Protein backbone atom coordinates (compact mmCIF):
# COMPACT_ATOMS: atom_id res chain seq x y z
CA UNK A 1 -2.93 -21.67 -2.83
CA UNK A 2 -3.58 -20.84 1.11
CA UNK A 3 0.16 -19.74 0.87
CA UNK A 4 -0.18 -17.62 -1.90
CA UNK A 5 -3.28 -15.72 0.29
CA UNK A 6 -1.05 -15.84 3.17
CA UNK A 7 1.35 -13.90 1.12
CA UNK A 8 -1.55 -11.05 -0.52
CA UNK A 9 -2.93 -10.77 2.74
CA UNK A 10 0.28 -10.03 3.96
CA UNK A 11 0.67 -7.65 0.94
CA UNK A 12 -2.80 -6.09 1.50
CA UNK A 13 -1.73 -5.12 5.33
CA UNK A 14 1.42 -3.39 4.27
CA UNK A 15 -0.23 -1.37 1.98
CA UNK A 16 -3.12 -0.69 4.71
CA UNK A 17 0.00 0.29 7.04
CA UNK A 18 1.41 2.76 4.51
CA UNK A 19 -1.63 4.31 3.83
CA UNK A 20 -2.53 4.72 7.52
CA UNK A 21 0.58 6.11 8.09
CA UNK A 22 0.01 8.60 5.32
CA UNK A 23 -3.14 9.77 6.18
CA UNK A 24 -1.58 9.98 10.10
CA UNK A 25 1.25 12.57 8.56
CA UNK A 26 -1.52 14.53 6.83
CA UNK A 27 -4.06 14.91 9.82
CA UNK A 28 -0.65 15.98 11.73
CA UNK A 29 -0.25 18.27 9.37
CA UNK A 30 -3.65 19.37 9.03
CA UNK A 31 -3.60 19.88 12.43
CA UNK A 32 -0.23 22.11 12.32
CA UNK A 33 -1.55 23.80 9.30
CA UNK A 34 -4.78 25.10 11.40
CA UNK A 35 -2.46 25.95 14.58
CA UNK A 36 -0.53 28.11 12.52
CA UNK A 37 -3.41 30.06 10.61
CA UNK A 38 -4.51 30.47 14.63
CA UNK A 39 -1.31 31.88 15.57
CA UNK A 40 -1.00 33.93 12.03
CA UNK A 41 -4.66 35.63 13.02
CA UNK A 42 -3.12 36.44 16.46
CA UNK A 43 0.74 37.62 15.48
CA UNK A 44 0.68 40.67 13.49
CA UNK A 45 4.39 39.57 12.54
CA UNK A 46 4.88 37.40 8.79
CA UNK A 47 7.34 34.84 10.26
CA UNK A 48 6.76 31.33 7.75
CA UNK A 49 9.94 30.10 8.33
CA UNK A 50 9.01 27.99 10.45
CA UNK A 51 6.26 27.00 7.90
CA UNK A 52 8.57 26.86 5.12
CA UNK A 53 10.59 23.98 7.08
CA UNK A 54 7.49 21.69 6.89
CA UNK A 55 6.26 22.59 3.51
CA UNK A 56 9.80 22.10 2.21
CA UNK A 57 10.18 18.63 4.30
CA UNK A 58 6.97 17.45 3.54
CA UNK A 59 8.17 18.32 0.01
CA UNK A 60 10.46 16.15 0.08
CA UNK A 61 8.88 13.15 2.42
CA UNK A 62 5.52 12.36 0.00
CA UNK A 63 7.49 11.34 -2.99
CA UNK A 64 8.63 9.21 -0.68
CA UNK A 65 6.38 7.55 0.42
CA UNK A 66 4.95 7.32 -3.08
CA UNK A 67 7.84 5.38 -4.05
CA UNK A 68 7.23 2.96 -1.49
CA UNK A 69 3.26 2.88 -2.09
CA UNK A 70 4.41 1.86 -5.08
CA UNK A 71 6.42 -1.40 -4.49
CA UNK A 72 3.66 -2.28 -2.49
CA UNK A 73 1.16 -2.06 -5.89
CA UNK A 74 3.86 -3.86 -7.75
CA UNK A 75 4.70 -6.68 -4.67
CA UNK A 76 0.49 -7.27 -4.86
CA UNK A 77 0.35 -7.37 -8.54
CA UNK A 78 2.37 -9.74 -8.62
CA UNK A 79 1.62 -11.35 -5.94
CA UNK A 80 -2.31 -12.11 -7.64
CA UNK A 81 -0.50 -12.90 -10.80
CA UNK A 82 1.53 -15.73 -8.82
CA UNK A 83 -2.08 -16.65 -7.56
CA UNK A 84 -3.76 -16.68 -11.04
CA UNK A 85 -1.06 -19.30 -12.51
CA UNK A 86 -1.04 -21.14 -9.24
CA UNK A 87 -4.45 -21.82 -9.94
CA UNK A 88 -4.36 -22.60 -13.88
CA UNK A 89 -1.87 -24.96 -12.96
CA UNK A 90 -4.26 -26.55 -10.34
CA UNK A 91 -6.83 -26.92 -12.75
CA UNK A 92 -5.28 -28.89 -15.01
CA UNK A 93 -3.56 -31.17 -12.84
CA UNK A 94 -6.68 -31.36 -11.49
CA UNK A 95 -8.33 -32.16 -15.38
CA UNK A 96 -5.00 -35.33 -15.88
CA UNK A 97 -5.48 -36.61 -12.58
CA UNK A 98 -9.16 -37.06 -13.13
CA UNK A 99 -8.57 -38.64 -16.52
CA UNK A 100 -6.02 -40.70 -15.45
CA UNK A 101 -8.79 -41.85 -12.49
CA UNK A 102 -11.03 -42.41 -15.56
CA UNK A 103 -8.79 -44.53 -17.34
CA UNK A 104 -8.28 -46.93 -14.74
CA UNK A 105 -12.23 -47.34 -13.88
CA UNK A 106 -13.10 -47.97 -17.61
């Protein structure tokens, strides 16, 4: 049971790390967007090529990151299911052992 818990903890840690990376990327993009907005206000030029490149990169990276998060969620679901199966098997084994002990005692 402890091993299953460690696997679940590891999966949750991986998920949290992926979420943190995603949050950091979003925060960085927000900072860059604000900087670009400030630059646009101070400049009369309408050169958005740098922003367009960043948006294209973001459009490419987000689905990839979504796939990683989806895989992590699936892995955690598998670990939870394994934990439930382990618990059920453990309970059955305890009942069998209890019955055997009762037979020897009585």
